[in-house]
Protein backbone atom coordinates (compact mmCIF):
# COMPACT_ATOMS: atom_id res chain seq x y z
CA MET A 1 137.25 124.22 115.37
CA LYS A 2 136.56 127.64 113.83
CA LYS A 3 139.61 127.32 111.56
CA ALA A 4 138.51 123.85 110.52
CA LEU A 5 135.06 125.15 109.56
CA GLN A 6 136.66 128.01 107.63
CA ARG A 7 138.86 125.54 105.75
CA CYS A 8 135.78 123.40 104.94
CA THR A 9 133.88 126.46 103.73
CA LEU A 10 136.77 127.64 101.58
CA LEU A 11 137.20 124.17 100.13
CA SER A 12 133.50 124.01 99.24
CA ILE A 13 133.66 127.42 97.55
CA LEU A 14 136.71 126.43 95.55
CA MET A 15 135.08 123.18 94.45
CA ILE A 16 131.89 124.91 93.33
CA ALA A 17 133.88 127.61 91.56
CA ALA A 18 135.66 124.89 89.62
CA THR A 19 132.25 124.08 87.99
CA SER A 20 132.82 120.34 88.38
CA PHE A 21 132.49 117.86 91.19
CA SER A 22 135.33 115.72 92.40
CA GLN A 23 134.86 112.09 91.51
CA HIS A 24 136.61 111.19 94.76
CA ASN A 25 134.28 113.11 97.12
CA ASP A 26 131.63 110.99 98.85
CA PHE A 27 129.73 113.95 100.36
CA LEU A 28 128.75 116.20 97.44
CA THR A 29 125.87 115.22 95.19
CA GLN A 30 126.46 115.98 91.53
CA VAL A 31 123.57 118.05 90.16
CA ASN A 32 122.88 119.88 86.90
CA TYR A 33 121.95 123.29 88.34
CA LYS A 34 123.33 126.19 90.40
CA GLY A 35 121.87 127.21 93.74
CA ALA A 36 120.16 125.21 96.46
CA PHE A 37 117.17 123.98 94.43
CA GLY A 38 116.53 122.26 91.15
CA LEU A 39 113.15 121.02 89.95
CA SER A 40 112.52 119.38 93.32
CA ASN A 41 111.97 121.57 96.40
CA TRP A 42 113.64 119.59 99.18
CA ALA A 43 112.35 122.05 101.83
CA ALA A 44 108.69 121.48 100.93
CA ASP A 45 106.31 119.75 103.36
CA TRP A 46 108.65 119.21 106.31
CA SER A 47 109.92 122.75 107.05
CA ALA A 48 108.30 125.62 108.99
CA LEU A 49 108.67 127.70 105.82
CA SER A 50 106.27 125.28 104.20
CA HIS A 51 104.04 124.75 107.25
CA TYR A 52 103.34 128.47 107.75
CA GLY A 53 102.64 129.11 104.08
CA ILE A 54 105.70 131.23 103.38
CA MET A 55 107.09 128.80 100.84
CA ALA A 56 105.02 128.00 97.75
CA PRO A 57 103.55 124.49 97.75
CA GLN A 58 105.47 121.87 95.84
CA THR A 59 104.09 121.41 92.33
CA THR A 60 104.88 118.97 89.59
CA PRO A 61 106.75 120.80 86.82
CA GLY A 62 105.58 120.45 83.27
CA ALA A 63 107.01 117.40 81.55
CA ASP A 64 107.38 116.30 77.98
CA VAL A 65 104.44 114.12 76.92
CA VAL A 66 105.32 110.84 75.23
CA SER A 67 102.53 109.03 73.39
CA VAL A 68 102.57 105.26 73.89
CA ARG A 69 100.95 102.88 71.44
CA ASP A 70 100.43 99.15 71.52
CA SER A 71 103.46 98.25 69.42
CA ASP A 72 105.87 100.15 71.67
CA ILE A 73 106.51 97.40 74.26
CA ALA A 74 107.01 94.35 72.06
CA ALA A 75 108.36 90.92 72.95
CA GLY A 76 112.05 91.01 73.86
CA ALA A 77 112.10 94.75 74.56
CA THR A 78 113.25 96.32 77.83
CA ILE A 79 111.65 99.75 78.19
CA TYR A 80 112.33 102.53 80.71
CA TRP A 81 109.80 105.22 81.58
CA THR A 82 111.34 108.11 83.52
CA ALA A 83 109.92 110.76 85.83
CA ASP A 84 110.95 113.68 83.62
CA LYS A 85 108.28 112.70 81.10
CA THR A 86 104.52 112.04 81.17
CA TYR A 87 103.43 108.93 79.27
CA LEU A 88 100.09 109.02 77.45
CA LEU A 89 98.43 105.69 76.69
CA GLU A 90 96.82 105.78 73.24
CA GLY A 91 94.27 102.97 73.54
CA ARG A 92 95.13 99.52 74.88
CA VAL A 93 98.88 99.14 75.37
CA PHE A 94 100.26 95.66 76.03
CA VAL A 95 103.53 94.72 77.68
CA ASP A 96 103.97 91.66 75.50
CA ALA A 97 105.23 88.28 76.65
CA GLY A 98 109.00 88.51 76.98
CA ALA A 99 108.96 92.30 77.35
CA VAL A 100 109.95 94.24 80.49
CA LEU A 101 108.62 97.69 81.43
CA ASN A 102 110.56 99.62 84.09
CA ILE A 103 108.88 102.72 85.55
CA GLN A 104 110.92 105.18 87.60
CA ALA A 105 109.63 106.54 90.91
CA GLY A 106 107.67 109.76 90.40
CA THR A 107 106.55 108.93 86.87
CA VAL A 108 103.03 109.88 85.72
CA ILE A 109 101.16 107.73 83.20
CA LYS A 110 97.92 109.07 81.73
CA GLY A 111 95.22 107.37 79.68
CA LYS A 112 93.34 109.02 76.85
CA PRO A 113 89.56 109.04 77.14
CA GLY A 114 87.59 106.55 75.09
CA GLN A 115 85.28 103.57 75.33
CA GLY A 116 84.94 100.21 73.63
CA LYS A 117 87.82 99.46 71.29
CA ASN A 118 89.21 102.93 72.02
CA ALA A 119 89.50 102.35 75.77
CA SER A 120 92.97 103.12 77.09
CA ALA A 121 94.63 100.69 79.50
CA LEU A 122 98.02 99.22 80.31
CA ILE A 123 97.95 95.42 80.13
CA VAL A 124 100.88 93.28 81.22
CA ALA A 125 100.39 90.12 79.18
CA ARG A 126 101.14 86.64 80.47
CA GLY A 127 104.92 86.35 80.35
CA GLY A 128 105.49 90.11 80.39
CA LYS A 129 106.85 92.00 83.39
CA ILE A 130 106.35 95.42 84.96
CA TYR A 131 108.65 96.97 87.56
CA ALA A 132 106.87 100.06 88.88
CA GLU A 133 108.67 100.96 92.09
CA GLY A 134 107.60 104.28 93.54
CA THR A 135 108.41 105.66 96.98
CA PRO A 136 106.27 107.37 99.66
CA THR A 137 107.36 110.79 98.41
CA ARG A 138 107.59 109.88 94.71
CA PRO A 139 104.67 107.58 93.90
CA ILE A 140 103.95 106.34 90.41
CA ILE A 141 100.57 107.69 89.28
CA PHE A 142 98.24 106.23 86.67
CA THR A 143 95.44 108.66 85.87
CA ALA A 144 93.33 110.30 83.17
CA GLU A 145 94.67 112.63 80.51
CA SER A 146 92.57 115.46 81.97
CA ASP A 147 94.03 115.11 85.47
CA ASP A 148 95.87 118.27 86.52
CA LEU A 149 98.08 116.99 89.32
CA ASN A 150 98.77 120.56 90.44
CA ASN A 151 95.06 121.30 90.90
CA PRO A 152 93.03 118.96 93.15
CA LEU A 153 89.79 120.29 91.63
CA VAL A 154 90.52 119.09 88.07
CA PRO A 155 89.05 116.60 87.55
CA ALA A 156 86.60 116.52 90.44
CA ALA A 157 87.59 113.98 93.07
CA ASN A 158 84.58 111.76 92.35
CA GLU A 159 84.89 111.63 88.56
CA VAL A 160 85.14 108.06 87.26
CA GLY A 161 85.49 106.25 83.95
CA LEU A 162 87.87 108.77 82.38
CA TRP A 163 90.19 106.01 81.11
CA GLY A 164 90.68 102.26 81.59
CA GLY A 165 93.01 100.87 84.23
CA LEU A 166 95.96 98.58 84.92
CA ILE A 167 95.67 94.85 84.15
CA ILE A 168 98.31 92.24 85.02
CA LEU A 169 98.01 88.69 83.69
CA GLY A 170 100.03 85.71 84.85
CA LYS A 171 100.56 81.95 84.70
CA ALA A 172 99.31 80.87 88.13
CA ARG A 173 96.43 78.42 88.51
CA ILE A 174 92.82 79.49 88.25
CA ASN A 175 89.74 77.28 88.55
CA GLN A 176 88.29 77.80 85.11
CA PRO A 177 87.76 74.32 83.58
CA ALA A 178 90.28 74.90 80.79
CA GLY A 179 92.88 76.28 83.21
CA GLU A 180 93.06 79.53 81.27
CA THR A 181 90.62 82.09 79.91
CA ASN A 182 90.27 85.69 78.70
CA ILE A 183 90.30 88.48 81.25
CA GLU A 184 87.24 90.69 81.63
CA GLY A 185 87.66 94.20 80.31
CA ILE A 186 89.50 93.02 77.18
CA PRO A 187 87.72 91.71 74.06
CA THR A 188 87.84 87.91 73.77
CA THR A 189 89.27 88.29 70.26
CA GLU A 190 92.56 89.55 71.77
CA PRO A 191 94.82 86.49 72.45
CA ARG A 192 97.11 88.51 74.71
CA GLY A 193 94.18 88.82 77.12
CA MET A 194 94.58 85.18 78.21
CA TYR A 195 95.64 84.33 81.77
CA GLY A 196 96.13 81.24 83.91
CA GLY A 197 98.52 78.29 83.83
CA GLN A 198 100.30 75.93 86.22
CA ASP A 199 102.99 78.13 87.80
CA ASP A 200 101.82 79.43 91.19
CA ASP A 201 105.29 80.95 91.73
CA ASP A 202 105.08 83.00 88.53
CA CYS A 203 106.50 86.54 88.67
CA SER A 204 104.89 89.43 86.78
CA GLY A 205 107.12 92.07 88.39
CA VAL A 206 106.70 94.65 91.16
CA LEU A 207 104.11 97.33 91.99
CA ARG A 208 105.13 99.48 94.93
CA TYR A 209 103.71 102.91 95.89
CA VAL A 210 101.39 103.14 92.90
CA SER A 211 98.18 105.23 92.70
CA ILE A 212 95.53 104.42 90.05
CA ARG A 213 92.93 107.17 89.62
CA HIS A 214 89.66 107.97 87.79
CA GLY A 215 89.54 104.78 85.71
CA GLY A 216 86.94 102.19 84.78
CA THR A 217 85.80 103.20 81.31
CA GLU A 218 83.35 100.90 79.54
CA ILE A 219 84.45 98.48 76.84
CA GLY A 220 80.87 97.27 76.33
CA GLU A 221 77.41 97.54 77.84
CA GLY A 222 77.83 97.07 81.60
CA ASN A 223 81.46 95.93 81.18
CA GLU A 224 83.98 98.27 82.73
CA ILE A 225 87.66 97.91 83.59
CA ASN A 226 88.69 97.52 87.24
CA GLY A 227 91.26 99.83 88.77
CA LEU A 228 93.76 96.99 89.21
CA THR A 229 92.91 93.63 87.67
CA LEU A 230 95.05 90.62 88.59
CA GLY A 231 94.42 87.54 86.47
CA GLY A 232 96.29 84.38 87.44
CA VAL A 233 99.11 86.40 89.00
CA GLY A 234 101.65 84.30 90.90
CA ARG A 235 103.23 84.70 94.31
CA GLY A 236 106.56 85.69 92.77
CA THR A 237 104.98 89.08 92.04
CA VAL A 238 105.28 91.90 94.61
CA ILE A 239 102.31 94.22 95.19
CA SER A 240 102.62 96.67 98.08
CA HIS A 241 101.21 100.13 98.82
CA VAL A 242 98.81 100.40 95.89
CA GLU A 243 95.77 102.69 95.78
CA VAL A 244 92.73 102.72 93.50
CA TRP A 245 90.82 106.01 93.63
CA SER A 246 87.38 106.78 92.12
CA ASN A 247 87.05 103.86 89.73
CA LYS A 248 83.81 103.22 87.85
CA ASP A 249 84.03 99.45 88.35
CA ASP A 250 85.71 97.50 91.16
CA GLY A 251 88.77 98.79 92.93
CA PHE A 252 90.80 95.56 93.00
CA GLU A 253 89.82 92.24 91.46
CA TRP A 254 91.69 88.96 91.67
CA PHE A 255 90.89 86.18 89.20
CA GLY A 256 92.56 83.14 90.70
CA GLY A 257 96.29 83.16 91.31
CA THR A 258 98.42 83.27 94.42
CA VAL A 259 99.89 86.78 94.57
CA ASN A 260 100.34 88.21 98.07
CA CYS A 261 99.49 91.90 98.55
CA ASP A 262 99.85 94.37 101.40
CA HIS A 263 98.87 97.96 102.11
CA LEU A 264 96.08 98.42 99.59
CA VAL A 265 93.57 101.29 99.41
CA ALA A 266 90.27 101.19 97.48
CA ALA A 267 88.61 104.58 97.82
CA PHE A 268 85.24 105.71 96.41
CA CYS A 269 84.83 103.04 93.73
CA LYS A 270 81.36 102.76 92.20
CA ASP A 271 81.15 98.96 92.26
CA ASP A 272 82.83 96.60 94.72
CA ALA A 273 85.94 97.68 96.58
CA ILE A 274 87.54 94.22 96.86
CA ASP A 275 86.42 91.52 94.41
CA ILE A 276 87.70 87.93 94.42
CA ASP A 277 86.99 85.22 91.83
CA GLU A 278 88.16 81.93 90.33
CA GLY A 279 90.06 80.30 93.16
CA PHE A 280 92.28 83.10 94.48
CA ARG A 281 94.64 81.76 97.18
CA GLY A 282 96.89 84.68 98.04
CA LYS A 283 97.54 86.46 101.33
CA LEU A 284 96.43 90.03 102.03
CA GLN A 285 97.26 92.32 104.95
CA PHE A 286 96.59 95.98 105.76
CA ILE A 287 93.69 96.59 103.38
CA PHE A 288 91.64 99.80 103.57
CA ALA A 289 88.40 100.41 101.67
CA ILE A 290 85.96 103.31 101.93
CA GLN A 291 82.85 104.14 99.93
CA ALA A 292 81.30 107.46 99.02
CA ASP A 293 77.91 108.17 100.60
CA SER A 294 75.94 107.61 97.41
CA THR A 295 77.93 105.19 95.24
CA GLY A 296 79.34 101.71 95.64
CA ASP A 297 78.11 98.13 95.93
CA HIS A 298 79.70 95.57 98.25
CA LEU A 299 82.90 96.26 100.07
CA GLY A 300 83.81 92.63 99.50
CA GLU A 301 82.22 90.48 96.79
CA HIS A 302 83.92 87.11 96.90
CA ASP A 303 83.14 84.23 94.54
CA GLY A 304 84.91 80.92 94.88
CA ALA A 305 84.54 79.69 91.32
CA PRO A 306 82.57 80.20 88.10
CA ALA A 307 78.89 79.61 88.84
CA ASP A 308 78.64 76.59 86.52
CA PHE A 309 81.78 74.94 87.91
CA VAL A 310 81.71 75.58 91.66
CA ALA A 311 83.44 72.29 92.55
CA GLN A 312 86.38 73.10 90.28
CA GLU A 313 89.90 73.03 91.77
CA PRO A 314 91.82 74.83 93.11
CA LYS A 315 89.38 76.03 95.75
CA ALA A 316 89.43 79.67 96.72
CA TYR A 317 91.19 80.31 100.02
CA PRO A 318 92.58 83.83 100.51
CA VAL A 319 93.92 84.61 103.98
CA ILE A 320 93.22 88.22 104.97
CA TYR A 321 94.27 89.98 108.17
CA ASN A 322 94.00 93.61 109.25
CA ALA A 323 91.40 95.04 106.91
CA THR A 324 89.31 98.15 107.60
CA TYR A 325 86.23 98.38 105.40
CA LEU A 326 84.08 101.52 105.75
CA GLY A 327 80.82 101.78 103.84
CA ALA A 328 78.73 104.73 102.72
CA GLY A 329 77.81 105.68 106.27
CA VAL A 330 74.87 104.31 108.21
CA ASN A 331 72.66 107.00 106.61
CA GLY A 332 74.19 106.67 103.15
CA SER A 333 72.31 105.53 100.07
CA ALA A 334 74.89 103.18 98.54
CA GLY A 335 75.52 99.49 98.89
CA GLN A 336 73.62 96.38 99.91
CA ARG A 337 75.88 94.71 102.46
CA ILE A 338 79.52 94.61 103.43
CA PHE A 339 80.15 91.06 102.20
CA ARG A 340 78.60 88.79 99.62
CA LEU A 341 80.26 85.37 99.86
CA ARG A 342 79.11 82.80 97.32
CA GLU A 343 79.93 80.13 94.71
CA ASN A 344 81.93 77.87 97.04
CA PHE A 345 84.03 80.67 98.46
CA GLY A 346 86.30 79.89 101.38
CA GLY A 347 89.06 81.76 103.15
CA GLU A 348 89.85 83.77 106.27
CA TYR A 349 89.15 87.29 107.52
CA LYS A 350 90.70 87.92 110.93
CA ASN A 351 91.56 90.95 113.09
CA CYS A 352 89.52 93.31 110.93
CA ILE A 353 87.14 96.25 111.37
CA PHE A 354 83.95 96.41 109.27
CA GLY A 355 81.20 98.97 109.42
CA ASP A 356 79.70 102.42 108.88
CA TYR A 357 77.36 100.84 106.38
CA PRO A 358 73.68 101.43 105.56
CA GLY A 359 72.92 97.75 104.95
CA ASN A 360 73.53 94.41 106.60
CA GLY A 361 76.86 92.88 107.41
CA VAL A 362 77.23 89.69 105.42
CA THR A 363 75.44 87.11 103.32
CA ILE A 364 76.87 83.60 102.97
CA GLU A 365 74.98 81.98 100.12
CA ASP A 366 73.61 78.45 99.86
CA LYS A 367 72.20 78.48 96.32
CA LEU A 368 74.61 76.06 94.64
CA GLU A 369 76.17 72.74 95.52
CA PRO A 370 78.71 73.15 96.99
CA ASP A 371 78.44 76.78 98.10
CA ALA A 372 79.94 79.18 100.63
CA ARG A 373 77.70 77.80 103.40
CA ASP A 374 79.32 74.39 102.96
CA ARG A 375 82.77 75.94 103.33
CA LEU A 376 81.58 77.77 106.47
CA GLU A 377 80.24 74.63 108.09
CA SER A 378 83.34 72.60 107.20
CA GLY A 379 85.63 75.18 108.82
CA GLU A 380 87.01 76.41 105.49
CA LEU A 381 85.43 79.88 105.78
CA LEU A 382 86.50 81.78 108.88
CA LEU A 383 85.37 85.24 109.99
CA GLN A 384 87.02 85.59 113.38
CA ASN A 385 88.04 88.24 115.91
CA ASN A 386 86.55 91.08 113.89
CA ILE A 387 84.78 94.27 115.02
CA TRP A 388 81.45 95.23 113.39
CA PHE A 389 79.93 98.68 113.95
CA ASN A 390 77.41 101.24 112.67
CA LEU A 391 75.27 98.93 110.54
CA ALA A 392 71.56 98.93 109.76
CA SER A 393 71.29 96.72 112.82
CA ASN A 394 73.94 96.51 115.49
CA ASP A 395 72.62 93.23 116.83
CA ILE A 396 75.19 90.48 116.31
CA ASN A 397 72.32 88.05 115.80
CA VAL A 398 71.05 89.82 112.67
CA ILE A 399 74.22 91.16 111.05
CA GLY A 400 74.26 87.90 109.11
CA GLU A 401 71.36 87.74 106.65
CA GLU A 402 70.77 83.98 106.89
CA ALA A 403 70.18 81.92 110.01
CA TRP A 404 73.47 80.03 109.60
CA THR A 405 75.41 83.26 109.05
CA ALA A 406 73.83 84.93 112.08
CA ALA A 407 74.49 81.88 114.25
CA TYR A 408 78.13 81.78 113.19
CA LEU A 409 78.76 85.46 113.93
CA ALA A 410 76.96 85.24 117.27
CA ASP A 411 79.04 82.25 118.39
CA ALA A 412 81.35 83.75 121.01
CA SER A 413 84.10 81.26 120.15
CA ASN A 414 84.57 83.06 116.82
CA GLY A 415 85.44 86.32 118.57
CA ASN A 416 83.24 88.69 116.56
CA THR A 417 81.95 91.73 118.44
CA VAL A 418 79.63 94.65 117.75
CA GLU A 419 81.19 97.74 119.33
CA ASP A 420 82.65 101.12 118.50
CA PRO A 421 86.28 100.63 117.40
CA LEU A 422 86.97 104.25 118.39
CA LEU A 423 88.45 105.35 115.09
CA ASN A 424 89.88 108.85 115.25
CA GLY A 425 87.71 110.16 112.43
CA ILE A 426 85.51 109.10 109.51
CA SER A 427 84.95 111.53 106.65
CA ARG A 428 84.28 111.31 102.93
CA ALA A 429 84.70 115.04 102.30
CA GLN A 430 87.81 117.00 101.36
CA ASP A 431 88.19 118.28 104.91
CA ASN A 432 91.18 116.34 106.28
CA GLY A 433 88.73 114.57 108.59
CA LEU A 434 89.46 110.93 107.72
CA ASP A 435 91.68 109.25 110.28
CA PRO A 436 90.89 105.51 110.45
CA ARG A 437 93.42 104.74 113.16
CA PRO A 438 91.79 103.26 116.27
CA ARG A 439 92.51 104.64 119.72
CA THR A 440 94.88 102.53 121.76
CA ASP A 441 92.43 102.40 124.68
CA GLY A 442 89.70 100.90 122.49
CA PRO A 443 88.67 97.37 121.51
CA ALA A 444 90.89 97.24 118.42
CA TYR A 445 93.83 96.39 120.68
CA LYS A 446 92.10 93.48 122.40
CA ASN A 447 91.06 89.90 121.63
CA LEU A 448 93.27 89.36 118.58
CA ALA A 449 93.50 86.14 116.62
CA ALA A 450 96.96 84.60 116.33
CA TYR A 451 98.81 85.31 113.11
CA PRO A 452 100.13 82.65 110.75
CA ASP A 453 103.74 81.78 111.42
CA ASP A 454 105.22 82.72 108.06
CA ASP A 455 107.39 85.39 106.50
CA PHE A 456 104.54 87.41 104.98
CA PHE A 457 102.26 88.46 107.82
CA VAL A 458 103.30 91.23 110.21
CA LYS A 459 102.18 90.36 113.73
CA ALA A 460 100.39 93.64 114.40
CA ASN A 461 98.99 94.26 117.89
CA TYR A 462 95.74 95.81 116.62
CA LYS A 463 92.70 95.07 114.48
CA GLY A 464 92.10 96.88 111.23
CA ALA A 465 94.41 98.30 108.60
CA PHE A 466 96.02 100.97 110.80
CA GLY A 467 97.65 101.24 114.20
CA SER A 468 97.90 104.42 116.22
């Protein structure tokens, strides 16, 4: 055995001394440097050297900055953005119809500051495609030009509106009367801002392990860009493990479409965390939202259709399981209520945890004909087997603002309860105190609704976005 190891060691030395790697060796990795480390420190994070502070923390090395302008991703082009460069969006940059943008894991994309016509954003036009496939250790980051990724204090964690955001437009059905319209956040004079169509299976590409930070700049008075806007995006698109952090407008907003999404995070957005409009019919699972203690509106603002066309088809019907929505804290100053459901909204929320909120739980409006109350009473709006906790009132009979909402939530057959879900920790400070996993001996592991029998939903044995 000892001789064998010596032979292996000698062979390795001879191979390295030869300054080239054998093309027929399936063990050695060909690299462009000498020594154990290149730009990436493979011993960071997991080793005791790192844990005990002996090894310097992993930092992102400086990268060449490539300015990107609107004409750079034209129809018919296939573009590759790589992790050895930082890409700087100079204003609105469209991935035109027929173009494909591929983004390597670990790539950083930054947006220049500016408002109005100078707002920076990446917009995937209808017929364009984006393939942004990060990994847990090499996420793709969209952020502001001023963001120093090696310094968590620059910009401050709560700074918003430093650039625009990411917008994806597709060909799936929406319930605007014309079947298509211009997306909010883009001037109506821009034809590439149109979305909607007749293809619910449309594919706009892949987003996986993507973080979108410090966005939401204004393009007009009271008109900001969402962190991630999805207009008429079809179910052929893959969206998984995407975070929106400190956005001035909503975190995520769906305008119609059928795209299915999982593992989403909306953290500290100044408007709504999760916004749904225009007949969205996708599936969502493992959704986490948390508000700061002094900013934010609803955790979920869900409209079924445009206010003047509430009977328009297709009807909204998202199916959402395993969400955890945490508000500004019961003593916080932000927000009105967890949910505002209106304009003929229907859909399902099941096996979720909602709470830590200074206002009421939910309003289900009855101002239009038809409206969300009609969907509730016809069995097309289901809030079932959810835990509610730490609200302005912890009485199940008053969590709903209207009599019909309160009666629905209090009906034991719907499985809603008011109780402590026993989360491991709730914090909005930079103190490592946030741990939204529920204890296994608590109510989050009991009284679950059955999951749909399809190939999208994971049949988790807990309520909320996280298991233990």
